[in-house]
Amino acid sequence: MIKRLTALLLIPVNVMLLPGFSDKQALVGLGVKRISSGNALSDHVIALQESVTRRLLEEHAVDFLFEQSVRTTWLSN
């Protein structure tokens, strides 16, 4: 159906990734121009933040917060 839509429509076709439906290369091959994760990325980040907050409250320690640093080297690729 996606291949048919991309062939028939004169506008870019957007598709949202879902579990079991996330093969980016296959979607690009079908002519999809924009692929979205919807709110999955923000939901994942919020869940991680909740987990870290829970750990802070339970362990009363902060050292683990400094074990990982933000890396931006991937931006230069």
N, C-alpha and C. Protein backbone atom coordinates (compact mmCIF):
# COMPACT_ATOMS: atom_id res chain seq x y z
N MET A 1 0.82 -1.18 0.00
CA MET A 1 0.00 0.00 0.00
C MET A 1 0.88 1.26 0.00
N ILE A 2 1.96 1.24 0.76
CA ILE A 2 2.83 2.42 0.83
C ILE A 2 3.45 2.70 -0.54
N LYS A 3 3.92 1.67 -1.21
CA LYS A 3 4.51 1.84 -2.53
C LYS A 3 3.49 2.44 -3.49
N ARG A 4 2.27 1.98 -3.41
CA ARG A 4 1.20 2.49 -4.28
C ARG A 4 0.93 3.97 -3.98
N LEU A 5 0.87 4.32 -2.69
CA LEU A 5 0.63 5.72 -2.31
C LEU A 5 1.75 6.63 -2.79
N THR A 6 2.99 6.21 -2.61
CA THR A 6 4.11 7.07 -3.02
C THR A 6 4.14 7.24 -4.53
N ALA A 7 3.67 6.25 -5.25
CA ALA A 7 3.63 6.35 -6.72
C ALA A 7 2.48 7.24 -7.19
N LEU A 8 1.36 7.22 -6.48
CA LEU A 8 0.16 7.94 -6.91
C LEU A 8 0.13 9.40 -6.45
N LEU A 9 0.67 9.68 -5.28
CA LEU A 9 0.57 11.02 -4.71
C LEU A 9 1.69 11.93 -5.19
N LEU A 10 1.36 13.18 -5.37
CA LEU A 10 2.35 14.18 -5.79
C LEU A 10 3.00 14.87 -4.59
N ILE A 11 2.59 14.49 -3.38
CA ILE A 11 3.14 15.07 -2.16
C ILE A 11 3.98 14.02 -1.44
N PRO A 12 4.91 14.44 -0.59
CA PRO A 12 5.72 13.47 0.15
C PRO A 12 4.84 12.64 1.09
N VAL A 13 5.13 11.36 1.17
CA VAL A 13 4.41 10.46 2.08
C VAL A 13 5.22 10.31 3.36
N ASN A 14 4.55 10.52 4.48
CA ASN A 14 5.16 10.39 5.80
C ASN A 14 4.65 9.12 6.47
N VAL A 15 5.55 8.43 7.18
CA VAL A 15 5.18 7.20 7.87
C VAL A 15 5.71 7.25 9.30
N MET A 16 4.91 6.80 10.26
CA MET A 16 5.36 6.74 11.64
C MET A 16 5.83 5.33 11.97
N LEU A 17 7.01 5.24 12.56
CA LEU A 17 7.56 3.96 12.97
C LEU A 17 6.77 3.39 14.12
N LEU A 18 6.60 2.09 14.10
CA LEU A 18 5.90 1.36 15.17
C LEU A 18 6.66 0.07 15.43
N PRO A 19 6.47 -0.56 16.58
CA PRO A 19 7.12 -1.85 16.82
C PRO A 19 6.74 -2.83 15.70
N GLY A 20 7.75 -3.48 15.13
CA GLY A 20 7.51 -4.42 14.05
C GLY A 20 7.35 -3.75 12.70
N PHE A 21 7.40 -2.44 12.67
CA PHE A 21 7.24 -1.68 11.43
C PHE A 21 8.26 -0.55 11.46
N SER A 22 9.54 -0.93 11.46
CA SER A 22 10.57 0.09 11.67
C SER A 22 11.79 -0.07 10.78
N ASP A 23 11.64 -0.73 9.64
CA ASP A 23 12.76 -0.90 8.73
C ASP A 23 12.91 0.35 7.87
N LYS A 24 13.75 1.25 8.33
CA LYS A 24 13.92 2.54 7.67
C LYS A 24 14.33 2.39 6.21
N GLN A 25 15.28 1.52 5.93
CA GLN A 25 15.76 1.34 4.56
C GLN A 25 14.65 0.84 3.65
N ALA A 26 13.83 -0.08 4.16
CA ALA A 26 12.71 -0.59 3.36
C ALA A 26 11.70 0.51 3.06
N LEU A 27 11.43 1.35 4.04
CA LEU A 27 10.48 2.45 3.84
C LEU A 27 11.01 3.46 2.82
N VAL A 28 12.29 3.77 2.91
CA VAL A 28 12.90 4.67 1.93
C VAL A 28 12.80 4.05 0.54
N GLY A 29 13.03 2.75 0.46
CA GLY A 29 12.91 2.04 -0.82
C GLY A 29 11.50 2.07 -1.39
N LEU A 30 10.52 2.22 -0.52
CA LEU A 30 9.13 2.31 -0.96
C LEU A 30 8.74 3.73 -1.37
N GLY A 31 9.67 4.67 -1.19
CA GLY A 31 9.41 6.05 -1.60
C GLY A 31 9.00 6.98 -0.48
N VAL A 32 9.06 6.52 0.75
CA VAL A 32 8.70 7.36 1.90
C VAL A 32 9.73 8.47 2.04
N LYS A 33 9.28 9.70 2.20
CA LYS A 33 10.18 10.86 2.30
C LYS A 33 10.46 11.30 3.73
N ARG A 34 9.57 10.97 4.66
CA ARG A 34 9.76 11.40 6.05
C ARG A 34 9.31 10.26 6.95
N ILE A 35 10.18 9.95 7.91
CA ILE A 35 9.88 8.88 8.86
C ILE A 35 9.88 9.49 10.25
N SER A 36 8.81 9.27 11.00
CA SER A 36 8.65 9.86 12.32
C SER A 36 8.63 8.78 13.40
N SER A 37 9.11 9.15 14.56
CA SER A 37 9.02 8.24 15.71
C SER A 37 7.86 8.63 16.61
N GLY A 38 7.10 9.65 16.20
CA GLY A 38 5.98 10.09 17.03
C GLY A 38 6.49 10.53 18.39
N ASN A 39 5.80 10.15 19.43
CA ASN A 39 6.22 10.52 20.78
C ASN A 39 7.08 9.44 21.44
N ALA A 40 7.48 8.41 20.68
CA ALA A 40 8.25 7.31 21.27
C ALA A 40 9.57 7.78 21.86
N LEU A 41 10.27 8.67 21.16
CA LEU A 41 11.56 9.15 21.66
C LEU A 41 11.40 9.93 22.95
N SER A 42 10.47 10.86 22.99
CA SER A 42 10.28 11.64 24.22
C SER A 42 9.77 10.76 25.36
N ASP A 43 8.90 9.79 25.06
CA ASP A 43 8.44 8.86 26.09
C ASP A 43 9.60 8.07 26.69
N HIS A 44 10.52 7.66 25.83
CA HIS A 44 11.68 6.89 26.29
C HIS A 44 12.57 7.75 27.19
N VAL A 45 12.81 8.98 26.80
CA VAL A 45 13.64 9.89 27.60
C VAL A 45 12.97 10.18 28.95
N ILE A 46 11.68 10.40 28.95
CA ILE A 46 10.95 10.65 30.20
C ILE A 46 11.03 9.44 31.12
N ALA A 47 10.90 8.24 30.56
CA ALA A 47 11.01 7.02 31.37
C ALA A 47 12.40 6.90 31.99
N LEU A 48 13.44 7.24 31.24
CA LEU A 48 14.79 7.22 31.79
C LEU A 48 14.96 8.25 32.90
N GLN A 49 14.38 9.42 32.69
CA GLN A 49 14.46 10.47 33.71
C GLN A 49 13.74 10.04 34.99
N GLU A 50 12.60 9.41 34.84
CA GLU A 50 11.87 8.91 36.01
C GLU A 50 12.70 7.86 36.75
N SER A 51 13.36 6.99 36.01
CA SER A 51 14.20 5.95 36.61
C SER A 51 15.35 6.56 37.40
N VAL A 52 16.00 7.56 36.83
CA VAL A 52 17.11 8.22 37.50
C VAL A 52 16.61 8.96 38.74
N THR A 53 15.50 9.61 38.64
CA THR A 53 14.93 10.33 39.80
C THR A 53 14.60 9.36 40.92
N ARG A 54 14.02 8.24 40.57
CA ARG A 54 13.70 7.22 41.58
C ARG A 54 14.98 6.75 42.27
N ARG A 55 16.04 6.54 41.49
CA ARG A 55 17.31 6.10 42.06
C ARG A 55 17.89 7.16 42.99
N LEU A 56 17.80 8.43 42.59
CA LEU A 56 18.28 9.52 43.46
C LEU A 56 17.55 9.52 44.80
N LEU A 57 16.25 9.35 44.75
CA LEU A 57 15.45 9.37 45.97
C LEU A 57 15.70 8.16 46.86
N GLU A 58 15.93 7.00 46.25
CA GLU A 58 16.11 5.77 47.02
C GLU A 58 17.53 5.63 47.56
N GLU A 59 18.53 6.00 46.75
CA GLU A 59 19.93 5.76 47.14
C GLU A 59 20.58 6.96 47.82
N HIS A 60 19.99 8.13 47.69
CA HIS A 60 20.56 9.35 48.27
C HIS A 60 22.01 9.56 47.83
N ALA A 61 22.30 9.21 46.60
CA ALA A 61 23.65 9.38 46.05
C ALA A 61 23.53 10.01 44.67
N VAL A 62 24.59 10.71 44.28
CA VAL A 62 24.56 11.37 42.98
C VAL A 62 25.73 10.98 42.07
N ASP A 63 26.69 10.25 42.60
CA ASP A 63 27.88 9.92 41.82
C ASP A 63 27.54 9.26 40.49
N PHE A 64 26.53 8.42 40.46
CA PHE A 64 26.18 7.71 39.23
C PHE A 64 25.75 8.67 38.11
N LEU A 65 25.32 9.87 38.49
CA LEU A 65 24.92 10.85 37.48
C LEU A 65 26.09 11.31 36.61
N PHE A 66 27.29 11.17 37.11
CA PHE A 66 28.47 11.66 36.41
C PHE A 66 29.26 10.57 35.72
N GLU A 67 28.71 9.36 35.66
CA GLU A 67 29.41 8.24 35.03
C GLU A 67 29.36 8.31 33.51
N GLN A 68 28.36 8.98 32.96
CA GLN A 68 28.24 9.12 31.51
C GLN A 68 28.22 10.59 31.17
N SER A 69 28.87 10.92 30.07
CA SER A 69 28.83 12.31 29.62
C SER A 69 28.16 12.36 28.25
N VAL A 70 27.67 13.51 27.93
CA VAL A 70 27.03 13.69 26.63
C VAL A 70 28.13 13.79 25.58
N ARG A 71 27.98 13.00 24.56
CA ARG A 71 28.96 13.02 23.47
C ARG A 71 28.30 13.59 22.22
N THR A 72 28.98 14.54 21.61
CA THR A 72 28.43 15.15 20.39
C THR A 72 29.29 14.84 19.18
N THR A 73 30.21 13.89 19.29
CA THR A 73 31.10 13.58 18.16
C THR A 73 30.30 13.05 16.97
N TRP A 74 29.16 12.43 17.20
CA TRP A 74 28.35 11.92 16.10
C TRP A 74 27.80 13.03 15.23
N LEU A 75 27.75 14.27 15.76
CA LEU A 75 27.21 15.40 15.00
C LEU A 75 28.13 15.77 13.83
N SER A 76 29.40 15.48 13.94
CA SER A 76 30.34 15.88 12.89
C SER A 76 30.36 14.91 11.70
N ASN A 77 29.66 13.79 11.82
CA ASN A 77 29.65 12.82 10.71
C ASN A 77 28.77 13.26 9.59
